[in-house]
Amino acid sequence: MEKKLPFFLIILSLFLLLISPNFLSRGMFIDGIVYSNFSKNFALGLGSFLHPYFSPTYLLNFKSHPPMFFFIEGLFFKIFGLDFYIEKVFSVLCILISGFLMVKLYIKLGFKVSFLPFLFFVSIPLIFWSATNNIIENALMVFTTLSVLLYIYSLNNKHFFWIFLSGLSIAIGFSLKGFVALFPFSFPFIYWLVARKLSLKRMIIDTLLIVVFTGLPIIISIFSFPDAKTYFESYFKIQIMGSITIAQTVDSRFYIIGRFLSEIITPIIILIIFLIINKKKNIKLFPKNEDTRNGLAISIFSLTAILPIMITMKQSGFYMLPAFPFISIGIASIIDLRAKELLSKLEIKSKLFHIIKYSSFVLLFISFITCFSFYNSYSRDKELLSDIDKLASHLPSKALVNIPQEMRHEYSLIAYSARNYNISIDPNITNNRRYLLVRKEIDKNQYFQDYKRIELETKQFYLYERKK
């Protein structure tokens, strides 16, 4: 491990440098803001596990996602506070934990150069985008990767114990994101079919046990608590059936496949460059051995995280995040033997190794400094966030603010206001709130007979207060 540590630190440093403009800065993808507000409110004691609370005016009776993510991130808020960057730290931590579990799995499968999959993993563009955008799939990736690692542990000892934990990990994944978390069910079959490391009987028994140990906690929870049953019935109707029958975000069911291939281009380019530089005629690219079978099995398995998404026309790139730890292992397995040979030639006491080691510490220090240099800057939505800051300086705590119907789709305004200042935006103008917020370009007199404008140096909005 001592020989590999500098390479891990270099890769980690490069990852931090890649995410540094967005890590500790302000601004985030809309879904991530919404999720962080639910989690923040849970930390504050607003709502409950089965009744996530967004605000008194928006996303009432929310059941579009299972609630476990808000619970876990809410605990993170309780421990570390409610500052704007806390959800980003949580999000990055999920990526790094997934990477750690992936490396453990790589080693457990018998591969040697453990920093290789980590390199390919963090070179995927969607990984360093999702790392700072608080996507639920970041947390899901932790538990799906963990479930496969635990299953591999079960093949050697404490069979039922490790399989129980594997099933429990999938159950937690289900409570994070629903049915998309169930793809690890396919791993024993694919591992048996390709790697040939277990018998047919063992594969069938293991699969059934994983399904049972996954299903029991879910079934017991749903039928023990009426609210849980109601929650998941609504979730199934809104999110699952709605996604299959109504929702559409892409033009083709094959979008997710094309996007997956485009995301792994960078790892493939790195792979090709390595093979060109280290061309060895005496080492086969795909030797007929256990490593090749393991690498092929894990690569095929990664597709099971993606192919089910083709059922629906509601697709987004980040839906396939749980596949990336496994395809990274698959790609790394191709060059593990050659990289092992190169690494064996590097002596720990050599001048080259000392250069690499001390350079890794310097680079890590630079990456931390770079991340902190962007603290409290803006990675996106600068004008909107600046305006919300100015509005909040005038509005009372927990203010209720009307917006006209033309602004009902201003989701970022609604989410940032709730997350950062507990300001509740109400798109129902008939509620006649004390305050009214209107975009300057749609400023119309019919809204303002009973209001007076408050003079603020905002760029996008006018704020009005009801006349006394």
Protein backbone atom coordinates (compact mmCIF):
# COMPACT_ATOMS: atom_id res chain seq x y z
CA MET A 1 0.00 0.00 0.00
CA GLU A 2 2.89 2.35 0.73
CA LYS A 3 3.93 2.21 -2.92
CA LYS A 4 0.38 2.89 -4.15
CA LEU A 5 -0.53 5.68 -1.71
CA PRO A 6 1.16 8.52 -3.66
CA PHE A 7 -0.79 7.53 -6.77
CA PHE A 8 -4.06 7.59 -4.82
CA LEU A 9 -3.17 11.04 -3.49
CA ILE A 10 -2.34 12.33 -6.98
CA ILE A 11 -5.66 11.04 -8.35
CA LEU A 12 -7.56 12.47 -5.37
CA SER A 13 -5.82 15.81 -5.89
CA LEU A 14 -6.77 15.89 -9.56
CA PHE A 15 -10.37 15.10 -8.62
CA LEU A 16 -10.44 17.95 -6.09
CA LEU A 17 -8.95 20.31 -8.65
CA LEU A 18 -11.63 19.34 -11.15
CA ILE A 19 -14.46 20.01 -8.71
CA SER A 20 -12.84 22.99 -6.96
CA PRO A 21 -14.77 25.75 -8.83
CA ASN A 22 -18.06 24.15 -7.75
CA PHE A 23 -17.19 22.51 -4.42
CA LEU A 24 -17.38 25.26 -1.81
CA SER A 25 -19.00 27.85 -4.04
CA ARG A 26 -22.65 28.87 -4.15
CA GLY A 27 -25.10 27.52 -6.71
CA MET A 28 -26.30 24.04 -7.47
CA PHE A 29 -28.44 21.93 -9.78
CA ILE A 30 -32.14 22.44 -8.99
CA ASP A 31 -32.79 18.86 -7.84
CA GLY A 32 -29.92 19.07 -5.39
CA ILE A 33 -31.26 22.31 -3.89
CA VAL A 34 -34.70 20.76 -3.41
CA TYR A 35 -33.24 17.65 -1.77
CA SER A 36 -31.01 19.69 0.54
CA ASN A 37 -33.98 21.78 1.67
CA PHE A 38 -35.96 18.67 2.59
CA SER A 39 -32.91 17.36 4.47
CA LYS A 40 -32.26 20.67 6.22
CA ASN A 41 -35.87 20.82 7.39
CA PHE A 42 -35.64 17.27 8.72
CA ALA A 43 -32.57 18.33 10.71
CA LEU A 44 -34.60 21.25 12.10
CA GLY A 45 -37.40 18.93 13.20
CA LEU A 46 -39.80 20.03 10.47
CA GLY A 47 -41.80 17.19 8.95
CA SER A 48 -40.88 13.57 9.63
CA PHE A 49 -39.31 10.56 7.93
CA LEU A 50 -42.51 9.74 6.01
CA HIS A 51 -43.67 13.33 5.69
CA PRO A 52 -40.78 15.36 4.18
CA TYR A 53 -41.33 19.08 4.57
CA PHE A 54 -40.28 21.66 1.99
CA SER A 55 -42.22 24.81 2.90
CA PRO A 56 -45.78 25.80 3.89
CA THR A 57 -46.52 26.81 0.30
CA TYR A 58 -44.72 24.36 -1.98
CA LEU A 59 -44.29 20.59 -2.53
CA LEU A 60 -46.91 19.80 0.06
CA ASN A 61 -47.51 16.08 0.66
CA PHE A 62 -44.32 15.22 -1.22
CA LYS A 63 -44.06 11.55 -2.24
CA SER A 64 -42.06 11.63 -5.47
CA HIS A 65 -39.01 9.93 -3.91
CA PRO A 66 -38.49 7.48 -1.07
CA PRO A 67 -37.51 9.42 2.07
CA MET A 68 -34.25 7.75 3.18
CA PHE A 69 -31.99 10.28 1.45
CA PHE A 70 -33.52 13.19 3.37
CA PHE A 71 -33.08 11.25 6.61
CA ILE A 72 -29.40 10.42 6.00
CA GLU A 73 -28.47 13.88 4.74
CA GLY A 74 -30.60 15.40 7.50
CA LEU A 75 -28.44 13.61 10.09
CA PHE A 76 -25.38 15.06 8.32
CA PHE A 77 -26.89 18.54 8.70
CA LYS A 78 -27.62 17.89 12.38
CA ILE A 79 -23.99 16.98 13.01
CA PHE A 80 -22.20 19.57 10.86
CA GLY A 81 -24.61 22.50 10.68
CA LEU A 82 -26.75 24.14 8.00
CA ASP A 83 -24.24 26.21 6.01
CA PHE A 84 -24.77 26.37 2.24
CA TYR A 85 -21.82 24.09 1.46
CA ILE A 86 -22.75 21.23 3.82
CA GLU A 87 -24.79 19.35 1.20
CA LYS A 88 -21.86 19.64 -1.22
CA VAL A 89 -19.50 18.14 1.33
CA PHE A 90 -22.00 15.33 1.86
CA SER A 91 -22.26 14.81 -1.88
CA VAL A 92 -18.48 14.68 -2.40
CA LEU A 93 -18.18 12.33 0.55
CA CYS A 94 -20.66 9.93 -1.09
CA ILE A 95 -18.51 9.89 -4.23
CA LEU A 96 -15.33 9.22 -2.25
CA ILE A 97 -16.95 6.48 -0.16
CA SER A 98 -18.20 4.86 -3.38
CA GLY A 99 -14.66 5.07 -4.74
CA PHE A 100 -13.26 3.48 -1.57
CA LEU A 101 -15.76 0.59 -1.76
CA MET A 102 -14.98 0.16 -5.45
CA VAL A 103 -11.26 -0.14 -4.66
CA LYS A 104 -12.00 -2.70 -1.94
CA LEU A 105 -14.08 -4.68 -4.44
CA TYR A 106 -11.30 -4.48 -7.02
CA ILE A 107 -8.82 -5.93 -4.54
CA LYS A 108 -11.28 -8.58 -3.39
CA LEU A 109 -11.72 -9.73 -6.99
CA GLY A 110 -8.00 -10.44 -7.09
CA PHE A 111 -6.64 -7.40 -8.94
CA LYS A 112 -3.47 -5.72 -7.70
CA VAL A 113 -3.05 -2.13 -8.89
CA SER A 114 -5.85 -0.71 -6.78
CA PHE A 115 -5.56 2.94 -7.79
CA LEU A 116 -6.45 2.15 -11.43
CA PRO A 117 -10.24 1.92 -11.00
CA PHE A 118 -10.16 5.08 -8.88
CA LEU A 119 -8.39 6.90 -11.74
CA PHE A 120 -10.98 5.79 -14.28
CA PHE A 121 -13.85 6.48 -11.88
CA VAL A 122 -12.99 10.13 -11.20
CA SER A 123 -12.14 10.78 -14.87
CA ILE A 124 -15.80 10.26 -15.81
CA PRO A 125 -17.28 13.76 -16.37
CA LEU A 126 -20.61 12.89 -14.75
CA ILE A 127 -18.84 11.83 -11.57
CA PHE A 128 -17.20 15.17 -10.92
CA TRP A 129 -20.42 16.97 -11.96
CA SER A 130 -22.61 14.94 -9.61
CA ALA A 131 -20.07 15.27 -6.78
CA THR A 132 -21.08 18.89 -6.16
CA ASN A 133 -24.78 18.73 -7.06
CA ASN A 134 -26.29 16.65 -4.24
CA ILE A 135 -27.84 13.99 -6.46
CA ILE A 136 -29.62 11.10 -4.72
CA GLU A 137 -27.77 8.67 -7.00
CA ASN A 138 -24.52 9.64 -5.24
CA ALA A 139 -25.81 8.05 -2.03
CA LEU A 140 -27.45 5.19 -3.93
CA MET A 141 -24.08 4.37 -5.51
CA VAL A 142 -22.61 3.84 -2.03
CA PHE A 143 -25.12 1.14 -1.13
CA THR A 144 -25.26 -0.66 -4.48
CA THR A 145 -21.46 -0.87 -4.58
CA LEU A 146 -21.42 -2.00 -0.95
CA SER A 147 -23.99 -4.72 -1.65
CA VAL A 148 -21.78 -6.32 -4.33
CA LEU A 149 -18.67 -6.06 -2.14
CA LEU A 150 -20.48 -7.75 0.74
CA TYR A 151 -21.67 -10.51 -1.57
CA ILE A 152 -18.08 -11.18 -2.67
CA TYR A 153 -17.16 -11.42 1.02
CA SER A 154 -19.91 -14.04 1.44
CA LEU A 155 -18.20 -16.36 -1.05
CA ASN A 156 -15.31 -16.94 1.34
CA ASN A 157 -16.72 -17.02 4.86
CA LYS A 158 -19.75 -16.23 7.05
CA HIS A 159 -21.99 -16.88 4.10
CA PHE A 160 -25.39 -15.92 5.57
CA PHE A 161 -24.03 -12.97 7.55
CA TRP A 162 -22.49 -11.22 4.54
CA ILE A 163 -25.45 -12.03 2.28
CA PHE A 164 -27.81 -10.62 4.90
CA LEU A 165 -25.80 -7.38 4.93
CA SER A 166 -25.72 -7.37 1.12
CA GLY A 167 -29.51 -7.62 0.98
CA LEU A 168 -29.86 -4.97 3.67
CA SER A 169 -27.67 -2.61 1.62
CA ILE A 170 -29.96 -3.07 -1.36
CA ALA A 171 -32.98 -2.45 0.88
CA ILE A 172 -31.46 0.85 1.99
CA GLY A 173 -30.79 1.64 -1.67
CA PHE A 174 -34.45 0.96 -2.39
CA SER A 175 -35.47 3.36 0.36
CA LEU A 176 -33.22 5.96 -1.29
CA LYS A 177 -34.30 5.67 -4.93
CA GLY A 178 -36.79 2.85 -5.36
CA PHE A 179 -36.68 0.01 -7.87
CA VAL A 180 -33.54 1.18 -9.68
CA ALA A 181 -31.59 0.03 -6.61
CA LEU A 182 -32.44 -3.62 -7.26
CA PHE A 183 -30.00 -4.26 -10.11
CA PRO A 184 -27.46 -6.01 -7.78
CA PHE A 185 -29.90 -8.94 -7.75
CA SER A 186 -28.35 -9.89 -11.09
CA PHE A 187 -24.77 -10.08 -9.83
CA PRO A 188 -24.69 -13.72 -8.59
CA PHE A 189 -26.10 -14.90 -11.93
CA ILE A 190 -23.63 -12.90 -14.04
CA TYR A 191 -20.74 -13.85 -11.78
CA TRP A 192 -21.68 -17.53 -12.07
CA LEU A 193 -22.20 -17.30 -15.83
CA VAL A 194 -18.96 -15.47 -16.68
CA ALA A 195 -16.49 -15.87 -13.82
CA ARG A 196 -17.44 -19.47 -13.01
CA LYS A 197 -16.51 -18.99 -9.34
CA LEU A 198 -19.56 -20.71 -7.84
CA SER A 199 -21.90 -23.58 -8.64
CA LEU A 200 -25.34 -23.24 -10.21
CA LYS A 201 -26.95 -24.38 -6.94
CA ARG A 202 -24.98 -21.83 -4.90
CA MET A 203 -25.87 -19.06 -7.36
CA ILE A 204 -29.60 -19.82 -7.15
CA ILE A 205 -29.55 -20.05 -3.34
CA ASP A 206 -27.52 -16.85 -3.02
CA THR A 207 -29.84 -14.93 -5.36
CA LEU A 208 -32.92 -16.07 -3.45
CA LEU A 209 -31.32 -15.16 -0.13
CA ILE A 210 -30.37 -11.68 -1.34
CA VAL A 211 -33.91 -11.12 -2.62
CA VAL A 212 -35.37 -12.31 0.70
CA PHE A 213 -33.00 -10.24 2.84
CA THR A 214 -33.75 -7.21 0.67
CA GLY A 215 -37.49 -7.73 0.62
CA LEU A 216 -38.09 -8.53 4.28
CA PRO A 217 -37.06 -5.12 5.72
CA ILE A 218 -39.06 -3.34 3.02
CA ILE A 219 -42.19 -5.49 3.46
CA ILE A 220 -42.03 -5.37 7.26
CA SER A 221 -41.66 -1.58 7.20
CA ILE A 222 -44.48 -1.06 4.73
CA PHE A 223 -46.99 -3.31 6.47
CA SER A 224 -46.03 -2.39 10.02
CA PHE A 225 -46.63 1.31 9.49
CA PRO A 226 -49.78 2.42 7.60
CA ASP A 227 -48.13 5.73 6.68
CA ALA A 228 -45.26 3.82 5.05
CA LYS A 229 -47.68 1.79 2.96
CA THR A 230 -49.52 4.95 1.87
CA TYR A 231 -46.22 6.70 1.09
CA PHE A 232 -44.91 3.93 -1.15
CA GLU A 233 -48.27 3.45 -2.87
CA SER A 234 -48.22 7.14 -3.79
CA TYR A 235 -44.55 6.93 -4.80
CA PHE A 236 -45.29 3.96 -7.06
CA LYS A 237 -48.21 5.74 -8.69
CA ILE A 238 -46.51 9.13 -9.10
CA GLN A 239 -42.90 8.25 -9.85
CA ILE A 240 -42.87 4.72 -11.26
CA MET A 241 -46.10 4.50 -13.24
CA GLY A 242 -45.92 8.19 -14.13
CA SER A 243 -42.39 7.78 -15.48
CA ILE A 244 -43.37 4.78 -17.59
CA THR A 245 -46.70 6.00 -18.95
CA ILE A 246 -46.56 9.81 -18.97
CA ALA A 247 -43.21 11.51 -18.33
CA GLN A 248 -40.80 12.02 -21.22
CA THR A 249 -37.45 13.83 -21.13
CA VAL A 250 -35.70 12.17 -24.10
CA ASP A 251 -36.56 11.32 -27.70
CA SER A 252 -35.27 7.75 -27.66
CA ARG A 253 -35.17 4.89 -25.18
CA PHE A 254 -31.56 4.35 -26.27
CA TYR A 255 -30.51 7.78 -24.98
CA ILE A 256 -29.15 6.29 -21.76
CA ILE A 257 -26.91 3.86 -23.69
CA GLY A 258 -25.46 6.62 -25.86
CA ARG A 259 -24.91 8.81 -22.82
CA PHE A 260 -23.19 5.96 -20.96
CA LEU A 261 -20.78 5.38 -23.85
CA SER A 262 -20.04 9.09 -24.10
CA GLU A 263 -19.26 9.29 -20.36
CA ILE A 264 -16.68 6.49 -20.45
CA ILE A 265 -14.79 7.96 -23.42
CA THR A 266 -12.22 9.60 -21.13
CA PRO A 267 -11.37 6.35 -19.27
CA ILE A 268 -11.12 4.56 -22.60
CA ILE A 269 -8.76 7.23 -23.97
CA ILE A 270 -6.57 6.87 -20.85
CA LEU A 271 -6.65 3.11 -21.35
CA ILE A 272 -5.60 3.37 -25.00
CA ILE A 273 -2.79 5.82 -24.20
CA PHE A 274 -1.45 3.44 -21.55
CA LEU A 275 -1.56 0.49 -23.96
CA ILE A 276 0.24 2.44 -26.67
CA ILE A 277 2.98 3.64 -24.31
CA ASN A 278 3.40 0.28 -22.64
CA LYS A 279 3.15 -1.99 -25.67
CA LYS A 280 4.33 -5.48 -24.77
CA LYS A 281 4.12 -8.31 -27.24
CA ASN A 282 4.73 -10.94 -24.58
CA ILE A 283 1.69 -9.97 -22.48
CA LYS A 284 -1.74 -10.77 -23.89
CA LEU A 285 -4.39 -8.07 -23.59
CA PHE A 286 -7.10 -10.56 -22.59
CA PRO A 287 -5.38 -13.67 -21.19
CA LYS A 288 -7.66 -16.63 -20.55
CA ASN A 289 -7.45 -16.50 -16.79
CA GLU A 290 -9.45 -15.64 -13.70
CA ASP A 291 -8.71 -11.90 -13.92
CA THR A 292 -10.16 -11.67 -17.43
CA ARG A 293 -13.31 -13.51 -16.39
CA ASN A 294 -13.75 -11.30 -13.33
CA GLY A 295 -13.23 -8.14 -15.35
CA LEU A 296 -15.68 -9.26 -18.02
CA ALA A 297 -18.28 -10.27 -15.41
CA ILE A 298 -18.14 -6.91 -13.64
CA SER A 299 -18.30 -5.02 -16.96
CA ILE A 300 -21.39 -6.93 -18.09
CA PHE A 301 -22.92 -6.43 -14.65
CA SER A 302 -22.51 -2.65 -14.94
CA LEU A 303 -24.99 -2.69 -17.82
CA THR A 304 -27.72 -4.05 -15.54
CA ALA A 305 -27.72 -0.66 -13.80
CA ILE A 306 -28.53 1.01 -17.12
CA LEU A 307 -30.64 -1.26 -19.32
CA PRO A 308 -33.77 -1.21 -17.08
CA ILE A 309 -33.89 2.58 -17.43
CA MET A 310 -34.77 2.07 -21.09
CA ILE A 311 -38.28 1.01 -19.98
CA THR A 312 -39.15 4.66 -19.53
CA MET A 313 -38.72 7.75 -21.70
CA LYS A 314 -37.91 9.74 -18.55
CA GLN A 315 -34.12 9.53 -18.55
CA SER A 316 -31.27 11.66 -17.26
CA GLY A 317 -27.54 11.09 -17.31
CA PHE A 318 -27.20 10.91 -13.55
CA TYR A 319 -29.59 7.93 -13.42
CA MET A 320 -26.67 5.72 -14.49
CA LEU A 321 -24.22 6.81 -11.78
CA PRO A 322 -24.42 3.45 -9.91
CA ALA A 323 -22.98 1.72 -13.00
CA PHE A 324 -19.72 3.68 -12.96
CA PRO A 325 -17.87 1.93 -10.09
CA PHE A 326 -18.34 -1.38 -11.88
CA ILE A 327 -17.40 -0.28 -15.39
CA SER A 328 -14.35 1.45 -13.88
CA ILE A 329 -13.29 -1.89 -12.40
CA GLY A 330 -13.91 -3.57 -15.75
CA ILE A 331 -11.76 -1.08 -17.66
CA ALA A 332 -8.99 -1.17 -15.04
CA SER A 333 -8.89 -4.97 -15.15
CA ILE A 334 -7.70 -4.84 -18.77
CA ILE A 335 -4.37 -3.27 -17.84
CA ASP A 336 -3.97 -4.47 -14.26
CA LEU A 337 -1.35 -7.08 -15.21
CA ARG A 338 0.75 -4.61 -17.20
CA ALA A 339 0.45 -1.91 -14.55
CA LYS A 340 1.48 -4.43 -11.89
CA GLU A 341 4.61 -5.24 -13.86
CA LEU A 342 5.50 -1.53 -14.17
CA LEU A 343 4.81 -0.88 -10.50
CA SER A 344 7.02 -3.78 -9.45
CA LYS A 345 9.96 -2.05 -11.12
CA LEU A 346 9.48 1.08 -9.02
CA GLU A 347 11.65 0.80 -5.92
CA ILE A 348 10.41 2.52 -2.76
CA LYS A 349 13.90 3.79 -1.98
CA SER A 350 14.48 5.09 -5.49
CA LYS A 351 14.78 8.77 -6.33
CA LEU A 352 11.83 8.54 -8.73
CA PHE A 353 9.52 7.18 -6.03
CA HIS A 354 10.54 9.95 -3.62
CA ILE A 355 9.76 12.54 -6.29
CA ILE A 356 6.34 10.97 -6.87
CA LYS A 357 5.65 10.73 -3.12
CA TYR A 358 6.52 14.32 -2.24
CA SER A 359 4.87 15.63 -5.39
CA SER A 360 1.64 13.90 -4.34
CA PHE A 361 1.65 15.74 -0.99
CA VAL A 362 2.33 19.06 -2.67
CA LEU A 363 -0.40 18.47 -5.22
CA LEU A 364 -2.88 17.50 -2.50
CA PHE A 365 -2.06 20.69 -0.59
CA ILE A 366 -2.54 22.76 -3.77
CA SER A 367 -5.88 21.07 -4.43
CA PHE A 368 -7.15 21.94 -0.93
CA ILE A 369 -6.00 25.54 -1.29
CA THR A 370 -7.69 25.75 -4.69
CA CYS A 371 -10.97 24.42 -3.28
CA PHE A 372 -10.94 26.97 -0.44
CA SER A 373 -10.03 29.78 -2.84
CA PHE A 374 -13.49 29.40 -4.41
CA TYR A 375 -15.27 29.48 -1.04
CA ASN A 376 -18.47 31.56 -1.13
CA SER A 377 -17.96 32.48 -4.80
CA TYR A 378 -20.63 31.66 -7.39
CA SER A 379 -20.52 28.54 -9.55
CA ARG A 380 -23.96 29.26 -11.07
CA ASP A 381 -27.05 31.48 -10.62
CA LYS A 382 -24.95 34.43 -9.42
CA GLU A 383 -27.53 37.16 -10.12
CA LEU A 384 -30.39 35.10 -8.69
CA LEU A 385 -28.53 34.24 -5.50
CA SER A 386 -27.34 37.84 -5.09
CA ASP A 387 -30.91 39.10 -5.46
CA ILE A 388 -32.21 36.54 -2.94
CA ASP A 389 -29.55 37.72 -0.46
CA LYS A 390 -30.79 41.31 -0.84
CA LEU A 391 -34.42 40.28 -0.55
CA ALA A 392 -33.70 38.25 2.57
CA SER A 393 -31.98 41.23 4.20
CA HIS A 394 -35.30 43.05 4.14
CA LEU A 395 -37.81 40.24 4.64
CA PRO A 396 -38.66 38.94 8.12
CA SER A 397 -37.74 35.41 9.18
CA LYS A 398 -39.90 32.71 7.56
CA ALA A 399 -41.56 35.27 5.28
CA LEU A 400 -44.38 34.22 2.94
CA VAL A 401 -44.01 35.87 -0.46
CA ASN A 402 -46.42 35.80 -3.38
CA ILE A 403 -45.30 35.56 -7.00
CA PRO A 404 -47.58 35.95 -10.05
CA GLN A 405 -48.69 32.96 -12.11
CA GLU A 406 -46.17 33.83 -14.81
CA MET A 407 -43.43 32.95 -12.33
CA ARG A 408 -44.86 29.66 -11.07
CA HIS A 409 -42.07 27.72 -12.81
CA GLU A 410 -39.28 29.72 -11.16
CA TYR A 411 -38.09 26.57 -9.39
CA SER A 412 -34.60 27.82 -8.59
CA LEU A 413 -35.99 30.98 -6.97
CA ILE A 414 -38.40 28.88 -4.89
CA ALA A 415 -35.75 26.32 -3.89
CA TYR A 416 -32.90 28.75 -3.08
CA SER A 417 -35.22 30.99 -1.04
CA ALA A 418 -36.40 28.06 1.05
CA ARG A 419 -32.97 26.44 1.43
CA ASN A 420 -30.95 29.55 2.25
CA TYR A 421 -33.40 31.74 4.18
CA ASN A 422 -36.60 29.77 4.95
CA ILE A 423 -38.48 32.17 2.68
CA SER A 424 -41.63 30.50 1.34
CA ILE A 425 -42.58 31.47 -2.20
CA ASP A 426 -46.31 31.18 -2.90
CA PRO A 427 -47.38 31.05 -6.57
CA ASN A 428 -51.06 31.41 -5.60
CA ILE A 429 -51.56 35.16 -5.95
CA THR A 430 -55.06 34.95 -4.44
CA ASN A 431 -53.56 34.25 -1.01
CA ASN A 432 -52.73 37.96 -0.75
CA ARG A 433 -49.49 37.62 1.15
CA ARG A 434 -47.87 40.62 2.76
CA TYR A 435 -45.06 40.58 0.22
CA LEU A 436 -45.12 40.22 -3.55
CA LEU A 437 -42.11 39.44 -5.75
CA VAL A 438 -42.24 40.14 -9.49
CA ARG A 439 -39.67 39.81 -12.27
CA LYS A 440 -38.89 43.18 -13.73
CA GLU A 441 -39.73 42.09 -17.27
CA ILE A 442 -43.28 41.05 -16.31
CA ASP A 443 -43.95 43.95 -13.93
CA LYS A 444 -47.66 44.72 -14.45
CA ASN A 445 -49.84 47.26 -12.71
CA GLN A 446 -52.80 44.95 -12.07
CA TYR A 447 -50.92 43.25 -9.26
CA PHE A 448 -50.07 46.35 -7.30
CA GLN A 449 -53.15 48.37 -6.36
CA ASP A 450 -52.65 47.45 -2.70
CA TYR A 451 -48.84 47.31 -2.73
CA LYS A 452 -45.95 49.72 -2.58
CA ARG A 453 -42.53 48.98 -4.02
CA ILE A 454 -39.58 48.51 -1.69
CA GLU A 455 -36.43 50.10 -3.04
CA LEU A 456 -33.76 47.43 -3.29
CA GLU A 457 -30.76 47.16 -5.59
CA THR A 458 -31.90 43.88 -7.13
CA LYS A 459 -31.17 43.05 -10.77
CA GLN A 460 -34.00 40.67 -11.62
CA PHE A 461 -36.91 41.40 -9.28
CA TYR A 462 -39.09 44.06 -7.72
CA LEU A 463 -40.28 43.47 -4.16
CA TYR A 464 -43.59 44.92 -3.03
CA GLU A 465 -45.16 45.19 0.42
CA ARG A 466 -48.87 45.39 1.08
CA LYS A 467 -50.04 48.86 2.12
CA LYS A 468 -51.14 49.07 5.71
